[in-house]
Structures are given as structure tokens and as C-alpha cells.
């Protein structure tokens, strides 16, 4: 920061960064997105569904997937 002060004559308050707000999930939401593309003459498509829902305070974040590997492998050949 001293270079900024010295070379550019900038006056700035320097200190520990502060978080001015936090975002949280307040309600359960489900979103579906569909993907379709032609790449090298082959059609590629996918449907993705994402669901987010609030957890009790202090529980942190969790991730789970319902993707079955057998279905992915069958569709990728």
C-alpha cells in the first residue's frame, strides 16, 4: 500500500477488511436448466436441476448429489 501512497498520492484508509453484509438462503428453491448444443456434428444435451434450502443456524453447508454413475456412463458413450 505504501507504493500507492507514494507514487500516486492517494489518501486511503487501510485496515482489516470488513464484511458489510451477509447473504443467506431463506427459502427452498428448485431451478431446472436445459443444455443443448451441436459440437462436431454430435448433439450434446443435459438437464440439470439444483435445489437449495436453508439449514438450521450453525449447521454450515452441505452438498449432496443424486446423480447415478451408471446413468452418466450410459449416456456418455
PDB file of N, CA and C in Angstrom:
ATOM      1  N   UNK A   1       0.818  -1.191   0.000  1.00  0.00           N
ATOM      2  CA  UNK A   1       0.000   0.000   0.000  1.00  0.00           C
ATOM      3  C   UNK A   1       0.863   1.257   0.000  1.00  0.00           C
ATOM      4  N   UNK A   2       2.052   1.157   0.511  1.00  0.00           N
ATOM      5  CA  UNK A   2       2.882   2.359   0.555  1.00  0.00           C
ATOM      6  C   UNK A   2       3.221   2.855  -0.845  1.00  0.00           C
ATOM      7  N   UNK A   3       3.317   1.958  -1.811  1.00  0.00           N
ATOM      8  CA  UNK A   3       3.600   2.382  -3.181  1.00  0.00           C
ATOM      9  C   UNK A   3       2.452   3.241  -3.709  1.00  0.00           C
ATOM     10  N   UNK A   4       1.237   2.844  -3.425  1.00  0.00           N
ATOM     11  CA  UNK A   4       0.081   3.644  -3.860  1.00  0.00           C
ATOM     12  C   UNK A   4       0.130   5.029  -3.234  1.00  0.00           C
ATOM     13  N   UNK A   5       0.443   5.086  -1.935  1.00  0.00           N
ATOM     14  CA  UNK A   5       0.540   6.386  -1.264  1.00  0.00           C
ATOM     15  C   UNK A   5       1.655   7.235  -1.866  1.00  0.00           C
ATOM     16  N   UNK A   6       2.800   6.600  -2.076  1.00  0.00           N
ATOM     17  CA  UNK A   6       3.993   7.318  -2.523  1.00  0.00           C
ATOM     18  C   UNK A   6       3.909   7.748  -3.980  1.00  0.00           C
ATOM     19  N   UNK A   7       3.574   6.809  -4.884  1.00  0.00           N
ATOM     20  CA  UNK A   7       3.633   7.109  -6.310  1.00  0.00           C
ATOM     21  C   UNK A   7       2.391   7.819  -6.845  1.00  0.00           C
ATOM     22  N   UNK A   8       1.242   7.512  -6.299  1.00  0.00           N
ATOM     23  CA  UNK A   8       0.005   8.069  -6.851  1.00  0.00           C
ATOM     24  C   UNK A   8      -0.642   9.119  -5.958  1.00  0.00           C
ATOM     25  N   UNK A   9      -0.020   9.370  -4.814  1.00  0.00           N
ATOM     26  CA  UNK A   9      -0.507  10.386  -3.883  1.00  0.00           C
ATOM     27  C   UNK A   9      -1.989  10.158  -3.529  1.00  0.00           C
ATOM     28  N   UNK A  10      -2.314   8.900  -3.256  1.00  0.00           N
ATOM     29  CA  UNK A  10      -3.689   8.529  -2.918  1.00  0.00           C
ATOM     30  C   UNK A  10      -3.815   8.453  -1.407  1.00  0.00           C
ATOM     31  N   UNK A  11      -4.835   9.104  -0.895  1.00  0.00           N
ATOM     32  CA  UNK A  11      -5.114   9.007   0.532  1.00  0.00           C
ATOM     33  C   UNK A  11      -6.187   7.941   0.723  1.00  0.00           C
ATOM     34  N   UNK A  12      -5.874   6.942   1.519  1.00  0.00           N
ATOM     35  CA  UNK A  12      -6.822   5.860   1.732  1.00  0.00           C
ATOM     36  C   UNK A  12      -6.706   5.354   3.162  1.00  0.00           C
ATOM     37  N   UNK A  13      -7.816   4.889   3.677  1.00  0.00           N
ATOM     38  CA  UNK A  13      -7.804   4.251   4.990  1.00  0.00           C
ATOM     39  C   UNK A  13      -7.471   2.776   4.781  1.00  0.00           C
ATOM     40  N   UNK A  14      -6.468   2.298   5.466  1.00  0.00           N
ATOM     41  CA  UNK A  14      -6.024   0.922   5.313  1.00  0.00           C
ATOM     42  C   UNK A  14      -6.257   0.200   6.633  1.00  0.00           C
ATOM     43  N   UNK A  15      -6.812  -0.969   6.529  1.00  0.00           N
ATOM     44  CA  UNK A  15      -7.053  -1.754   7.733  1.00  0.00           C
ATOM     45  C   UNK A  15      -7.593  -3.119   7.368  1.00  0.00           C
ATOM     46  N   UNK A  16      -8.064  -3.817   8.364  1.00  0.00           N
ATOM     47  CA  UNK A  16      -8.613  -5.143   8.162  1.00  0.00           C
ATOM     48  C   UNK A  16      -9.920  -5.033   7.364  1.00  0.00           C
ATOM     49  N   UNK A  17     -10.088  -5.854   6.318  1.00  0.00           N
ATOM     50  CA  UNK A  17     -11.340  -5.812   5.543  1.00  0.00           C
ATOM     51  C   UNK A  17     -12.538  -6.136   6.432  1.00  0.00           C
ATOM     52  N   UNK A  18     -13.651  -5.473   6.161  1.00  0.00           N
ATOM     53  CA  UNK A  18     -14.868  -5.688   6.936  1.00  0.00           C
ATOM     54  C   UNK A  18     -15.966  -6.183   6.021  1.00  0.00           C
ATOM     55  N   UNK A  19     -16.752  -7.108   6.506  1.00  0.00           N
ATOM     56  CA  UNK A  19     -17.899  -7.613   5.757  1.00  0.00           C
ATOM     57  C   UNK A  19     -19.072  -6.684   6.048  1.00  0.00           C
ATOM     58  N   UNK A  20     -19.611  -6.085   5.005  1.00  0.00           N
ATOM     59  CA  UNK A  20     -20.699  -5.137   5.221  1.00  0.00           C
ATOM     60  C   UNK A  20     -22.066  -5.814   5.225  1.00  0.00           C
ATOM     61  N   UNK A  21     -22.162  -6.999   4.651  1.00  0.00           N
ATOM     62  CA  UNK A  21     -23.421  -7.738   4.671  1.00  0.00           C
ATOM     63  C   UNK A  21     -23.147  -9.211   4.444  1.00  0.00           C
ATOM     64  N   UNK A  22     -24.113 -10.023   4.779  1.00  0.00           N
ATOM     65  CA  UNK A  22     -24.028 -11.458   4.523  1.00  0.00           C
ATOM     66  C   UNK A  22     -25.319 -11.891   3.866  1.00  0.00           C
ATOM     67  N   UNK A  23     -25.203 -12.813   2.939  1.00  0.00           N
ATOM     68  CA  UNK A  23     -26.389 -13.345   2.285  1.00  0.00           C
ATOM     69  C   UNK A  23     -26.668 -14.726   2.832  1.00  0.00           C
ATOM     70  N   UNK A  24     -27.941 -15.072   2.890  1.00  0.00           N
ATOM     71  CA  UNK A  24     -28.316 -16.368   3.386  1.00  0.00           C
ATOM     72  C   UNK A  24     -29.503 -16.893   2.592  1.00  0.00           C
ATOM     73  N   UNK A  25     -29.663 -18.174   2.590  1.00  0.00           N
ATOM     74  CA  UNK A  25     -30.808 -18.793   1.924  1.00  0.00           C
ATOM     75  C   UNK A  25     -31.966 -18.756   2.903  1.00  0.00           C
ATOM     76  N   UNK A  26     -33.057 -18.146   2.514  1.00  0.00           N
ATOM     77  CA  UNK A  26     -34.186 -18.008   3.432  1.00  0.00           C
ATOM     78  C   UNK A  26     -35.357 -18.918   3.087  1.00  0.00           C
ATOM     79  N   UNK A  27     -35.376 -19.478   1.877  1.00  0.00           N
ATOM     80  CA  UNK A  27     -36.476 -20.355   1.475  1.00  0.00           C
ATOM     81  C   UNK A  27     -35.948 -21.404   0.506  1.00  0.00           C
ATOM     82  N   UNK A  28     -36.620 -22.531   0.426  1.00  0.00           N
ATOM     83  CA  UNK A  28     -36.230 -23.587  -0.505  1.00  0.00           C
ATOM     84  C   UNK A  28     -36.611 -23.193  -1.929  1.00  0.00           C
ATOM     85  N   UNK A  29     -35.682 -23.412  -2.855  1.00  0.00           N
ATOM     86  CA  UNK A  29     -35.900 -23.069  -4.258  1.00  0.00           C
ATOM     87  C   UNK A  29     -35.341 -24.193  -5.129  1.00  0.00           C
ATOM     88  N   UNK A  30     -36.069 -24.539  -6.190  1.00  0.00           N
ATOM     89  CA  UNK A  30     -35.618 -25.527  -7.167  1.00  0.00           C
ATOM     90  C   UNK A  30     -35.585 -24.855  -8.534  1.00  0.00           C
ATOM     91  N   UNK A  31     -34.487 -25.079  -9.287  1.00  0.00           N
ATOM     92  CA  UNK A  31     -34.346 -24.492 -10.617  1.00  0.00           C
ATOM     93  C   UNK A  31     -33.891 -25.582 -11.582  1.00  0.00           C
ATOM     94  N   UNK A  32     -34.483 -25.607 -12.778  1.00  0.00           N
ATOM     95  CA  UNK A  32     -34.131 -26.578 -13.817  1.00  0.00           C
ATOM     96  C   UNK A  32     -33.556 -25.824 -15.006  1.00  0.00           C
ATOM     97  N   UNK A  33     -32.425 -26.289 -15.508  1.00  0.00           N
ATOM     98  CA  UNK A  33     -31.778 -25.679 -16.667  1.00  0.00           C
ATOM     99  C   UNK A  33     -31.513 -26.779 -17.684  1.00  0.00           C
ATOM    100  N   UNK A  34     -31.803 -26.495 -18.957  1.00  0.00           N
ATOM    101  CA  UNK A  34     -31.584 -27.468 -20.027  1.00  0.00           C
ATOM    102  C   UNK A  34     -30.495 -26.957 -20.958  1.00  0.00           C
ATOM    103  N   UNK A  35     -29.627 -27.874 -21.384  1.00  0.00           N
ATOM    104  CA  UNK A  35     -28.474 -27.556 -22.224  1.00  0.00           C
ATOM    105  C   UNK A  35     -28.552 -28.414 -23.481  1.00  0.00           C
ATOM    106  N   UNK A  36     -28.491 -27.770 -24.653  1.00  0.00           N
ATOM    107  CA  UNK A  36     -28.487 -28.480 -25.939  1.00  0.00           C
ATOM    108  C   UNK A  36     -27.487 -27.784 -26.862  1.00  0.00           C
ATOM    109  N   UNK A  37     -26.535 -28.540 -27.371  1.00  0.00           N
ATOM    110  CA  UNK A  37     -25.541 -27.985 -28.297  1.00  0.00           C
ATOM    111  C   UNK A  37     -25.152 -29.033 -29.324  1.00  0.00           C
ATOM    112  N   UNK A  38     -24.808 -28.555 -30.502  1.00  0.00           N
ATOM    113  CA  UNK A  38     -24.213 -29.400 -31.533  1.00  0.00           C
ATOM    114  C   UNK A  38     -22.722 -29.108 -31.525  1.00  0.00           C
ATOM    115  N   UNK A  39     -21.925 -30.143 -31.254  1.00  0.00           N
ATOM    116  CA  UNK A  39     -20.474 -29.994 -31.229  1.00  0.00           C
ATOM    117  C   UNK A  39     -19.894 -31.076 -32.124  1.00  0.00           C
ATOM    118  N   UNK A  40     -19.139 -30.655 -33.136  1.00  0.00           N
ATOM    119  CA  UNK A  40     -18.503 -31.576 -34.088  1.00  0.00           C
ATOM    120  C   UNK A  40     -19.526 -32.525 -34.692  1.00  0.00           C
ATOM    121  N   UNK A  41     -20.713 -32.012 -35.013  1.00  0.00           N
ATOM    122  CA  UNK A  41     -21.738 -32.817 -35.663  1.00  0.00           C
ATOM    123  C   UNK A  41     -22.515 -33.745 -34.745  1.00  0.00           C
ATOM    124  N   UNK A  42     -22.228 -33.719 -33.440  1.00  0.00           N
ATOM    125  CA  UNK A  42     -22.948 -34.562 -32.497  1.00  0.00           C
ATOM    126  C   UNK A  42     -23.755 -33.684 -31.556  1.00  0.00           C
ATOM    127  N   UNK A  43     -24.940 -34.166 -31.235  1.00  0.00           N
ATOM    128  CA  UNK A  43     -25.805 -33.418 -30.321  1.00  0.00           C
ATOM    129  C   UNK A  43     -25.448 -33.768 -28.878  1.00  0.00           C
ATOM    130  N   UNK A  44     -25.262 -32.746 -28.078  1.00  0.00           N
ATOM    131  CA  UNK A  44     -24.979 -32.907 -26.653  1.00  0.00           C
ATOM    132  C   UNK A  44     -26.096 -32.216 -25.890  1.00  0.00           C
ATOM    133  N   UNK A  45     -26.630 -32.914 -24.901  1.00  0.00           N
ATOM    134  CA  UNK A  45     -27.704 -32.303 -24.124  1.00  0.00           C
ATOM    135  C   UNK A  45     -27.636 -32.775 -22.684  1.00  0.00           C
ATOM    136  N   UNK A  46     -28.164 -31.954 -21.797  1.00  0.00           N
ATOM    137  CA  UNK A  46     -28.221 -32.283 -20.379  1.00  0.00           C
ATOM    138  C   UNK A  46     -29.339 -31.482 -19.745  1.00  0.00           C
ATOM    139  N   UNK A  47     -29.904 -32.032 -18.712  1.00  0.00           N
ATOM    140  CA  UNK A  47     -30.871 -31.315 -17.893  1.00  0.00           C
ATOM    141  C   UNK A  47     -30.325 -31.322 -16.472  1.00  0.00           C
ATOM    142  N   UNK A  48     -30.211 -30.154 -15.900  1.00  0.00           N
ATOM    143  CA  UNK A  48     -29.644 -30.009 -14.565  1.00  0.00           C
ATOM    144  C   UNK A  48     -30.698 -29.404 -13.661  1.00  0.00           C
ATOM    145  N   UNK A  49     -30.890 -30.012 -12.515  1.00  0.00           N
ATOM    146  CA  UNK A  49     -31.816 -29.491 -11.511  1.00  0.00           C
ATOM    147  C   UNK A  49     -31.019 -29.201 -10.248  1.00  0.00           C
ATOM    148  N   UNK A  50     -31.171 -27.994  -9.735  1.00  0.00           N
ATOM    149  CA  UNK A  50     -30.488 -27.623  -8.495  1.00  0.00           C
ATOM    150  C   UNK A  50     -31.542 -27.200  -7.480  1.00  0.00           C
ATOM    151  N   UNK A  51     -31.354 -27.669  -6.253  1.00  0.00           N
ATOM    152  CA  UNK A  51     -32.278 -27.301  -5.183  1.00  0.00           C
ATOM    153  C   UNK A  51     -31.459 -26.778  -4.015  1.00  0.00           C
ATOM    154  N   UNK A  52     -31.798 -25.621  -3.519  1.00  0.00           N
ATOM    155  CA  UNK A  52     -31.160 -25.063  -2.336  1.00  0.00           C
ATOM    156  C   UNK A  52     -32.232 -24.877  -1.272  1.00  0.00           C
ATOM    157  N   UNK A  53     -31.846 -25.139  -0.035  1.00  0.00           N
ATOM    158  CA  UNK A  53     -32.785 -24.953   1.066  1.00  0.00           C
ATOM    159  C   UNK A  53     -32.011 -24.546   2.304  1.00  0.00           C
ATOM    160  N   UNK A  54     -32.636 -23.786   3.166  1.00  0.00           N
ATOM    161  CA  UNK A  54     -31.938 -23.336   4.370  1.00  0.00           C
ATOM    162  C   UNK A  54     -31.746 -24.476   5.360  1.00  0.00           C
ATOM    163  N   UNK A  55     -30.635 -24.418   6.087  1.00  0.00           N
ATOM    164  CA  UNK A  55     -30.358 -25.343   7.177  1.00  0.00           C
ATOM    165  C   UNK A  55     -30.495 -24.583   8.497  1.00  0.00           C
ATOM    166  N   UNK A  56     -30.637 -25.304   9.592  1.00  0.00           N
ATOM    167  CA  UNK A  56     -30.674 -24.610  10.884  1.00  0.00           C
ATOM    168  C   UNK A  56     -29.389 -23.813  11.104  1.00  0.00           C
ATOM    169  N   UNK A  57     -29.506 -22.713  11.811  1.00  0.00           N
ATOM    170  CA  UNK A  57     -28.371 -21.829  12.073  1.00  0.00           C
ATOM    171  C   UNK A  57     -27.221 -22.605  12.717  1.00  0.00           C
ATOM    172  N   UNK A  58     -26.012 -22.390  12.198  1.00  0.00           N
ATOM    173  CA  UNK A  58     -24.830 -23.025  12.744  1.00  0.00           C
ATOM    174  C   UNK A  58     -24.503 -24.382  12.136  1.00  0.00           C
ATOM    175  N   UNK A  59     -25.306 -24.867  11.209  1.00  0.00           N
ATOM    176  CA  UNK A  59     -25.070 -26.180  10.607  1.00  0.00           C
ATOM    177  C   UNK A  59     -24.100 -26.117   9.425  1.00  0.00           C
ATOM    178  N   UNK A  60     -23.736 -24.941   8.974  1.00  0.00           N
ATOM    179  CA  UNK A  60     -22.799 -24.817   7.866  1.00  0.00           C
ATOM    180  C   UNK A  60     -23.455 -25.128   6.526  1.00  0.00           C
ATOM    181  N   UNK A  61     -22.662 -25.671   5.593  1.00  0.00           N
ATOM    182  CA  UNK A  61     -23.141 -26.005   4.254  1.00  0.00           C
ATOM    183  C   UNK A  61     -22.992 -27.499   4.015  1.00  0.00           C
ATOM    184  N   UNK A  62     -23.900 -28.058   3.241  1.00  0.00           N
ATOM    185  CA  UNK A  62     -23.785 -29.457   2.844  1.00  0.00           C
ATOM    186  C   UNK A  62     -24.049 -29.555   1.353  1.00  0.00           C
ATOM    187  N   UNK A  63     -23.544 -30.630   0.733  1.00  0.00           N
ATOM    188  CA  UNK A  63     -23.752 -30.875  -0.683  1.00  0.00           C
ATOM    189  C   UNK A  63     -24.107 -32.341  -0.856  1.00  0.00           C
ATOM    190  N   UNK A  64     -25.108 -32.602  -1.661  1.00  0.00           N
ATOM    191  CA  UNK A  64     -25.423 -33.992  -1.993  1.00  0.00           C
ATOM    192  C   UNK A  64     -25.809 -34.050  -3.463  1.00  0.00           C
ATOM    193  N   UNK A  65     -25.516 -35.196  -4.077  1.00  0.00           N
ATOM    194  CA  UNK A  65     -25.808 -35.396  -5.484  1.00  0.00           C
ATOM    195  C   UNK A  65     -26.646 -36.647  -5.646  1.00  0.00           C
ATOM    196  N   UNK A  66     -27.650 -36.566  -6.501  1.00  0.00           N
ATOM    197  CA  UNK A  66     -28.478 -37.740  -6.770  1.00  0.00           C
ATOM    198  C   UNK A  66     -28.123 -38.353  -8.123  1.00  0.00           C
ATOM    199  N   UNK A  67     -26.999 -37.941  -8.696  1.00  0.00           N
ATOM    200  CA  UNK A  67     -26.553 -38.463  -9.983  1.00  0.00           C
ATOM    201  C   UNK A  67     -26.108 -39.910  -9.825  1.00  0.00           C
ATOM    202  N   UNK A  68     -26.667 -40.772 -10.649  1.00  0.00           N
ATOM    203  CA  UNK A  68     -26.269 -42.177 -10.637  1.00  0.00           C
ATOM    204  C   UNK A  68     -25.181 -42.368 -11.688  1.00  0.00           C
ATOM    205  N   UNK A  69     -24.038 -42.892 -11.280  1.00  0.00           N
ATOM    206  CA  UNK A  69     -22.902 -43.056 -12.195  1.00  0.00           C
ATOM    207  C   UNK A  69     -23.248 -43.962 -13.370  1.00  0.00           C
ATOM    208  N   UNK A  70     -24.055 -44.967 -13.155  1.00  0.00           N
ATOM    209  CA  UNK A  70     -24.429 -45.878 -14.251  1.00  0.00           C
ATOM    210  C   UNK A  70     -25.158 -45.108 -15.350  1.00  0.00           C
ATOM    211  N   UNK A  71     -26.025 -44.186 -14.971  1.00  0.00           N
ATOM    212  CA  UNK A  71     -26.768 -43.397 -15.957  1.00  0.00           C
ATOM    213  C   UNK A  71     -25.841 -42.456 -16.709  1.00  0.00           C
ATOM    214  N   UNK A  72     -24.897 -41.856 -16.008  1.00  0.00           N
ATOM    215  CA  UNK A  72     -23.929 -40.956 -16.644  1.00  0.00           C
ATOM    216  C   UNK A  72     -23.074 -41.724 -17.633  1.00  0.00           C
ATOM    217  N   UNK A  73     -22.568 -42.874 -17.266  1.00  0.00           N
ATOM    218  CA  UNK A  73     -21.707 -43.659 -18.138  1.00  0.00           C
ATOM    219  C   UNK A  73     -22.484 -44.138 -19.378  1.00  0.00           C
ATOM    220  N   UNK A  74     -23.731 -44.520 -19.211  1.00  0.00           N
ATOM    221  CA  UNK A  74     -24.532 -44.994 -20.332  1.00  0.00           C
ATOM    222  C   UNK A  74     -24.783 -43.854 -21.324  1.00  0.00           C
ATOM    223  N   UNK A  75     -25.026 -42.659 -20.823  1.00  0.00           N
ATOM    224  CA  UNK A  75     -25.327 -41.533 -21.701  1.00  0.00           C
ATOM    225  C   UNK A  75     -24.115 -40.908 -22.347  1.00  0.00           C
ATOM    226  N   UNK A  76     -22.920 -41.210 -21.876  1.00  0.00           N
ATOM    227  CA  UNK A  76     -21.727 -40.539 -22.398  1.00  0.00           C
ATOM    228  C   UNK A  76     -21.055 -41.290 -23.538  1.00  0.00           C
ATOM    229  N   UNK A  77     -21.518 -42.459 -23.882  1.00  0.00           N
ATOM    230  CA  UNK A  77     -20.841 -43.219 -24.935  1.00  0.00           C
ATOM    231  C   UNK A  77     -21.293 -42.834 -26.318  1.00  0.00           C
TER     232      UNK A  77
END
